[in-house]
N, C-alpha and C. Protein backbone atom coordinates (compact mmCIF):
# COMPACT_ATOMS: atom_id res chain seq x y z
N MET A 1 -20.25 24.59 -2.61
CA MET A 1 -18.80 25.81 -2.30
C MET A 1 -17.75 24.67 -1.93
N ASN A 2 -16.87 24.20 -1.76
CA ASN A 2 -15.68 22.68 -1.43
C ASN A 2 -15.79 22.07 -0.01
N GLN A 3 -15.85 21.11 0.19
CA GLN A 3 -16.29 20.70 1.02
C GLN A 3 -15.30 21.17 2.81
N ASN A 4 -13.60 20.90 1.76
CA ASN A 4 -12.40 21.34 2.89
C ASN A 4 -12.92 23.03 3.32
N TYR A 5 -12.96 23.75 2.58
CA TYR A 5 -13.24 24.91 2.27
C TYR A 5 -14.35 24.93 3.62
N LEU A 6 -15.15 24.74 3.58
CA LEU A 6 -16.61 24.41 4.67
C LEU A 6 -16.01 23.82 6.47
N ASN A 7 -15.14 22.85 6.33
CA ASN A 7 -14.93 22.16 7.16
C ASN A 7 -13.67 23.55 8.00
N LEU A 8 -13.35 24.65 6.72
CA LEU A 8 -12.00 24.75 7.47
C LEU A 8 -13.01 26.12 8.45
N ILE A 9 -14.22 26.48 7.32
CA ILE A 9 -14.98 27.68 8.65
C ILE A 9 -15.77 27.35 10.14
N LYS A 10 -15.90 26.22 9.38
CA LYS A 10 -16.43 25.02 10.68
C LYS A 10 -15.65 25.54 11.94
N LEU A 11 -14.52 25.29 11.42
CA LEU A 11 -13.46 24.60 12.68
C LEU A 11 -12.49 25.83 12.96
N TYR A 12 -12.88 27.13 12.36
CA TYR A 12 -12.50 28.50 12.93
C TYR A 12 -13.48 29.14 13.44
N LYS A 13 -14.49 28.60 13.03
CA LYS A 13 -15.67 29.61 14.23
C LYS A 13 -15.61 29.10 14.90
N ASP A 14 -15.64 27.74 15.14
CA ASP A 14 -15.86 26.39 16.58
C ASP A 14 -14.48 27.18 17.65
N ASN A 15 -14.19 27.68 18.45
CA ASN A 15 -13.18 28.32 19.51
C ASN A 15 -13.39 27.14 20.46
N LYS A 16 -14.01 26.43 20.78
CA LYS A 16 -14.10 25.56 21.79
C LYS A 16 -13.59 23.86 21.00
N SER A 17 -13.02 24.70 20.04
CA SER A 17 -12.32 23.03 19.15
C SER A 17 -10.92 22.99 19.10
N THR A 18 -10.37 23.39 19.91
CA THR A 18 -8.98 23.31 20.35
C THR A 18 -8.20 22.00 20.66
N THR A 19 -9.76 20.64 20.58
CA THR A 19 -8.92 19.45 21.04
C THR A 19 -8.84 17.92 19.65
N THR A 20 -8.25 19.31 18.76
CA THR A 20 -8.40 18.48 17.21
C THR A 20 -7.35 17.59 17.31
N ASN A 21 -7.42 16.49 16.88
CA ASN A 21 -6.36 15.66 16.52
C ASN A 21 -5.66 15.99 15.12
N TYR A 22 -4.38 15.95 15.16
CA TYR A 22 -3.28 15.90 14.05
C TYR A 22 -2.78 15.04 13.62
N TYR A 23 -2.49 15.19 12.03
CA TYR A 23 -1.56 13.46 11.32
C TYR A 23 -0.07 14.24 11.74
N ASP A 24 0.90 13.08 12.15
CA ASP A 24 2.18 13.04 12.16
C ASP A 24 2.32 14.48 10.75
N ALA A 25 3.71 14.33 10.70
CA ALA A 25 4.42 15.89 9.57
C ALA A 25 4.26 14.92 8.80
N LEU A 26 4.91 13.68 8.18
CA LEU A 26 5.02 13.03 7.05
C LEU A 26 3.18 12.92 6.26
N GLU A 27 2.91 12.38 7.20
CA GLU A 27 1.13 12.24 6.69
C GLU A 27 0.54 13.39 6.16
N GLY A 28 0.79 14.55 7.11
CA GLY A 28 0.40 15.72 6.85
C GLY A 28 0.39 16.17 5.76
N TYR A 29 2.54 16.34 5.34
CA TYR A 29 2.30 16.31 3.99
C TYR A 29 1.78 15.99 3.16
N ALA A 30 2.13 14.26 3.32
CA ALA A 30 1.15 13.75 2.03
C ALA A 30 0.35 14.33 1.35
N LYS A 31 -1.10 14.75 2.59
CA LYS A 31 -2.14 14.78 2.20
C LYS A 31 -2.38 16.78 2.11
N GLY A 32 -1.38 17.48 2.80
CA GLY A 32 -1.50 19.23 2.80
C GLY A 32 -2.54 19.18 3.39
N ASN A 33 -2.85 18.53 4.84
CA ASN A 33 -3.24 18.99 6.02
C ASN A 33 -2.43 18.69 6.74
N MET A 34 -2.02 19.19 8.18
CA MET A 34 -2.44 18.47 9.61
C MET A 34 -3.22 18.30 10.10
N ASN A 35 -4.21 18.70 10.42
CA ASN A 35 -5.61 18.25 10.47
C ASN A 35 -6.72 17.70 10.14
N LYS A 36 -6.44 16.37 10.88
CA LYS A 36 -7.34 15.20 10.88
C LYS A 36 -9.10 16.04 10.47
N ALA A 37 -9.56 16.66 11.38
CA ALA A 37 -10.96 17.01 10.92
C ALA A 37 -11.32 17.86 9.74
N LEU A 38 -9.82 18.61 9.08
CA LEU A 38 -9.86 19.52 7.71
C LEU A 38 -9.67 18.42 6.95
N TYR A 39 -9.08 17.74 6.76
CA TYR A 39 -8.87 16.97 5.42
C TYR A 39 -10.23 15.67 4.91
N ASN A 40 -10.06 16.17 3.47
CA ASN A 40 -11.19 15.13 2.73
C ASN A 40 -9.89 14.73 1.37
N SER A 41 -10.57 13.56 1.41
CA SER A 41 -9.37 13.24 0.24
C SER A 41 -9.80 13.52 -1.38
N TYR A 42 -8.87 14.01 -2.25
CA TYR A 42 -9.90 14.19 -3.44
C TYR A 42 -10.34 13.52 -4.31
N LYS A 43 -11.51 13.68 -4.90
CA LYS A 43 -11.84 12.29 -5.47
C LYS A 43 -12.04 10.71 -5.28
N GLY A 44 -11.71 10.81 -3.90
CA GLY A 44 -11.36 9.31 -3.49
C GLY A 44 -10.30 9.04 -3.83
N LEU A 45 -9.52 9.81 -4.25
CA LEU A 45 -7.94 9.05 -4.26
C LEU A 45 -7.00 8.88 -2.75
N ASN A 46 -6.00 8.35 -3.16
CA ASN A 46 -5.71 8.08 -1.84
C ASN A 46 -4.25 8.55 -1.94
N PRO A 47 -3.64 9.78 -1.21
CA PRO A 47 -1.74 10.50 -1.21
C PRO A 47 -1.02 9.29 -1.40
N THR A 48 0.08 9.94 -2.04
CA THR A 48 1.71 9.03 -1.46
C THR A 48 1.76 8.88 -0.61
N ASN A 49 2.37 7.78 -0.14
CA ASN A 49 3.62 7.49 0.90
C ASN A 49 4.61 7.78 0.75
N LEU A 50 4.91 8.42 1.82
CA LEU A 50 6.28 9.74 1.20
C LEU A 50 7.12 8.38 2.31
N ASP A 51 8.75 8.70 1.48
CA ASP A 51 9.64 7.91 1.98
C ASP A 51 10.29 9.00 3.58
N ALA A 52 9.66 8.02 5.10
CA ALA A 52 10.38 8.57 6.00
C ALA A 52 12.24 9.15 6.36
N ASN A 53 12.56 7.80 5.10
CA ASN A 53 14.46 7.82 5.75
C ASN A 53 15.07 9.35 4.89
N ASN A 54 14.29 9.47 3.57
CA ASN A 54 14.78 10.96 3.09
C ASN A 54 14.58 12.05 3.43
N PRO A 55 16.05 12.34 3.51
CA PRO A 55 16.07 13.62 4.53
C PRO A 55 15.08 15.36 4.13
N TYR A 56 15.35 15.17 2.52
CA TYR A 56 14.98 15.97 2.31
C TYR A 56 12.79 15.68 2.28
N ILE A 57 12.63 15.13 2.15
CA ILE A 57 10.88 15.11 2.49
C ILE A 57 10.66 15.52 4.08
N LEU A 58 11.59 15.22 5.14
CA LEU A 58 11.41 15.49 6.26
C LEU A 58 11.75 16.50 6.37
N LEU A 59 12.27 17.00 6.01
CA LEU A 59 12.81 19.08 5.58
C LEU A 59 11.55 19.25 5.40
N GLY A 60 11.17 18.90 4.50
CA GLY A 60 9.66 19.51 3.99
C GLY A 60 8.63 19.47 5.05
N ALA A 61 7.89 17.79 5.06
CA ALA A 61 7.07 17.70 6.05
C ALA A 61 7.26 18.49 7.04
N TYR A 62 8.69 18.64 8.12
CA TYR A 62 8.88 19.56 8.93
C TYR A 62 8.10 21.43 8.51
N GLN A 63 8.70 21.69 7.66
CA GLN A 63 8.50 23.19 7.09
C GLN A 63 6.97 23.30 7.23
N PHE A 64 6.21 21.92 6.50
CA PHE A 64 4.97 22.58 6.00
C PHE A 64 4.47 22.47 7.31
N ALA A 65 4.18 21.28 8.34
CA ALA A 65 3.85 20.95 9.84
C ALA A 65 3.60 22.16 10.50
N ILE A 66 5.13 23.43 10.36
CA ILE A 66 5.09 24.88 11.09
C ILE A 66 4.05 25.42 10.40
N ILE A 67 4.47 25.55 9.04
CA ILE A 67 2.94 26.13 8.46
C ILE A 67 2.03 26.56 8.35
N ASP A 68 1.40 24.79 8.75
CA ASP A 68 -0.10 24.78 8.89
C ASP A 68 0.00 25.18 9.99
N LEU A 69 0.61 24.68 11.15
CA LEU A 69 -0.07 24.45 12.41
C LEU A 69 0.05 26.13 12.80
N GLN A 70 1.24 27.05 12.58
CA GLN A 70 1.06 28.17 12.24
C GLN A 70 0.12 29.10 12.33
N LEU A 71 -0.55 28.42 10.66
CA LEU A 71 -2.08 29.23 10.50
C LEU A 71 -2.91 29.23 11.50
N TYR A 72 -3.05 27.44 11.88
CA TYR A 72 -3.73 27.16 12.90
C TYR A 72 -3.94 28.18 14.23
N LEU A 73 -2.72 28.11 14.53
CA LEU A 73 -2.61 28.95 15.83
C LEU A 73 -2.47 30.94 15.66
N ASP A 74 -3.32 31.35 14.99
CA ASP A 74 -3.05 32.78 14.48
C ASP A 74 -4.10 32.75 14.51
N MET A 75 -5.19 31.49 14.61
CA MET A 75 -6.90 32.17 14.96
C MET A 75 -7.05 31.01 16.34
N HIS A 76 -6.30 30.69 16.47
CA HIS A 76 -6.23 29.66 18.16
C HIS A 76 -4.56 29.93 18.66
N PRO A 77 -4.93 31.35 19.87
CA PRO A 77 -3.37 31.46 19.99
C PRO A 77 -3.38 30.91 21.81
N ASP A 78 -4.56 30.28 22.31
CA ASP A 78 -4.69 29.83 22.95
C ASP A 78 -4.52 28.37 23.42
N ASP A 79 -4.20 27.83 22.23
CA ASP A 79 -4.41 26.37 22.24
C ASP A 79 -3.47 25.63 22.24
N LYS A 80 -2.79 24.89 23.40
CA LYS A 80 -1.98 24.71 23.91
C LYS A 80 -1.28 23.01 23.67
N SER A 81 -1.97 22.54 23.16
CA SER A 81 -1.56 21.20 22.31
C SER A 81 -0.66 21.25 20.97
N ALA A 82 -1.92 22.14 20.56
CA ALA A 82 -1.23 22.82 18.99
C ALA A 82 -0.21 23.61 19.32
N LYS A 83 0.00 23.86 20.20
CA LYS A 83 1.57 25.21 20.44
C LYS A 83 2.50 24.07 20.51
N GLU A 84 2.40 23.19 21.98
CA GLU A 84 3.64 22.83 21.62
C GLU A 84 3.87 21.56 20.36
N LEU A 85 2.80 21.05 19.46
CA LEU A 85 3.17 20.49 18.33
C LEU A 85 3.77 21.56 17.68
N PHE A 86 3.41 22.43 17.24
CA PHE A 86 4.15 23.69 16.88
C PHE A 86 5.51 23.43 16.69
N ASP A 87 6.11 23.93 18.45
CA ASP A 87 7.27 23.71 18.94
C ASP A 87 7.75 22.50 18.53
N LYS A 88 7.67 21.36 19.07
CA LYS A 88 8.47 19.43 18.50
C LYS A 88 8.88 19.94 16.77
N TYR A 89 7.76 20.12 15.96
CA TYR A 89 8.04 20.08 14.90
C TYR A 89 9.13 21.30 14.24
N LEU A 90 9.02 22.62 14.91
CA LEU A 90 10.04 23.29 14.83
C LEU A 90 11.89 23.36 15.45
N ASN A 91 11.82 22.72 16.26
CA ASN A 91 12.84 21.98 16.61
C ASN A 91 13.55 20.66 15.92
N LEU A 92 12.45 19.78 15.21
CA LEU A 92 12.91 18.38 13.84
C LEU A 92 13.49 19.88 13.23
N TYR A 93 12.70 20.34 12.96
CA TYR A 93 13.67 21.51 11.13
C TYR A 93 14.57 21.99 11.49
N ILE A 94 14.84 22.65 12.61
CA ILE A 94 16.13 22.99 13.33
C ILE A 94 16.98 22.29 13.13
N ASP A 95 17.13 21.10 13.43
CA ASP A 95 17.97 20.02 13.84
C ASP A 95 18.07 19.22 12.24
N THR A 96 17.40 19.19 11.47
CA THR A 96 17.51 18.73 10.37
C THR A 96 18.35 19.50 9.45
N LYS A 97 17.81 20.89 9.33
CA LYS A 97 18.98 21.77 8.97
C LYS A 97 20.01 21.96 8.94
N LYS A 98 20.29 21.91 10.53
CA LYS A 98 21.41 22.20 10.82
C LYS A 98 22.22 20.57 10.74
N THR A 99 22.08 19.47 10.30
CA THR A 99 22.06 18.40 10.28
C THR A 99 23.09 18.50 8.72
N PHE A 100 21.69 19.46 7.45
CA PHE A 100 21.90 19.59 6.26
C PHE A 100 23.27 20.15 6.11
N VAL A 101 23.16 20.96 7.07
CA VAL A 101 24.84 22.53 7.03
C VAL A 101 26.08 21.64 7.71
N ALA A 102 25.97 20.72 8.55
CA ALA A 102 26.61 20.37 8.89
C ALA A 102 27.47 19.03 7.87
N ASN A 103 26.73 18.12 7.15
CA ASN A 103 27.44 17.50 6.12
C ASN A 103 27.74 18.12 5.09
N ASN A 104 27.95 19.78 4.79
CA ASN A 104 28.14 20.67 4.04
C ASN A 104 26.98 20.44 2.58
N ILE A 105 25.59 20.01 3.28
CA ILE A 105 24.84 20.34 1.68
C ILE A 105 23.88 21.19 1.76
N PRO A 106 24.06 22.72 0.93
CA PRO A 106 23.30 23.72 1.00
C PRO A 106 22.38 23.55 0.61
N LEU A 107 21.26 24.06 1.41
CA LEU A 107 19.41 23.88 0.70
C LEU A 107 19.09 24.75 -0.07
N THR A 108 20.07 26.29 0.24
CA THR A 108 19.41 27.63 -0.30
C THR A 108 20.93 28.06 -1.05
N ILE A 109 20.32 29.14 -2.15
CA ILE A 109 21.72 29.66 -2.34
C ILE A 109 22.63 30.58 -1.13
N ASP A 110 21.79 31.01 -0.07
CA ASP A 110 22.68 32.20 0.94
C ASP A 110 22.14 31.22 1.98
N CYS A 111 23.00 29.73 2.50
CA CYS A 111 23.31 28.82 2.63
C CYS A 111 24.97 29.17 3.34
N GLU A 112 24.83 29.58 4.49
CA GLU A 112 26.16 29.09 4.59
C GLU A 112 27.41 28.79 3.88
N THR A 113 27.01 27.02 3.90
CA THR A 113 28.00 25.98 2.90
C THR A 113 28.77 26.94 1.83
N ASN A 114 27.70 27.33 1.32
CA ASN A 114 28.43 27.94 0.25
C ASN A 114 29.18 28.51 0.13
N LEU A 115 29.60 29.47 1.22
CA LEU A 115 31.29 30.91 1.89
C LEU A 115 32.22 29.84 1.96
N LYS A 116 31.94 28.32 2.27
CA LYS A 116 32.81 27.54 2.97
C LYS A 116 33.57 26.83 1.56
N GLN A 117 32.83 26.49 0.73
CA GLN A 117 33.79 25.74 -0.66
C GLN A 117 33.08 26.22 -2.12
N GLY A 118 34.24 25.46 -2.67
CA GLY A 118 33.46 25.84 -4.68
C GLY A 118 32.78 25.39 -4.78
N PHE A 119 31.45 26.14 -5.64
CA PHE A 119 30.27 25.31 -6.35
C PHE A 119 30.62 24.09 -6.85
N ASN A 120 29.47 23.42 -6.74
CA ASN A 120 29.67 22.27 -7.02
C ASN A 120 28.86 22.13 -8.51
N TRP A 121 29.06 22.57 -9.79
CA TRP A 121 28.34 22.86 -10.74
C TRP A 121 27.76 21.06 -11.22
N GLN A 122 26.66 21.10 -11.54
CA GLN A 122 26.35 20.01 -12.14
C GLN A 122 26.65 19.15 -13.34
N LYS A 123 27.06 18.03 -13.64
CA LYS A 123 27.57 17.87 -15.08
C LYS A 123 26.62 16.84 -15.74
N ASN A 124 26.70 16.94 -17.68
CA ASN A 124 26.13 16.37 -17.66
C ASN A 124 24.74 16.47 -18.20
N TRP A 125 24.44 17.92 -18.32
CA TRP A 125 23.01 17.93 -18.28
C TRP A 125 22.25 17.80 -19.51
N PRO A 126 20.89 17.86 -19.97
CA PRO A 126 20.59 17.14 -20.59
C PRO A 126 20.03 17.55 -21.84
N PHE A 127 20.49 18.81 -21.98
CA PHE A 127 20.77 19.43 -23.25
C PHE A 127 21.58 19.32 -23.60
N GLU A 128 23.03 19.58 -22.95
CA GLU A 128 23.88 19.32 -23.41
C GLU A 128 24.62 17.62 -24.33
N ARG A 129 23.61 17.07 -24.57
CA ARG A 129 23.89 15.36 -25.34
C ARG A 129 24.09 16.25 -26.91
N ARG A 130 25.08 15.72 -27.51
CA ARG A 130 25.40 15.37 -28.65
C ARG A 130 24.11 14.71 -29.53
N ILE A 131 23.53 15.35 -30.62
CA ILE A 131 22.59 14.14 -31.44
C ILE A 131 23.64 14.39 -32.82
N ASN A 132 23.88 12.76 -33.21
CA ASN A 132 24.34 12.47 -34.83
C ASN A 132 23.73 12.78 -35.81
């Protein structure tokens, strides 16, 4: 059985393990797990270092953190430290998303930014090149 799966079972069965240490959102995103107690590297490989200055990566990291912490909080609703961390990353996600919208950068097709302006179609797709 996968070691990560066994660790997950152990953590969720142990209701007293509410003081678990967490990675920051960027490192958790790179490793695929916010909880340090549950992370095992795959075949000894190191995760990719992500660019903390890239707003798209930060947005993805914050979204990953709130989903991962939400799953944990489903099983441990009384864990105050996990809830505080969830709230922190939810606020960071909302603020980062507002920054995108303020700069007229649509994140999804249903983004309000698309209502305000014409659609910016990409030019010069790779399949549009002419072969001589």
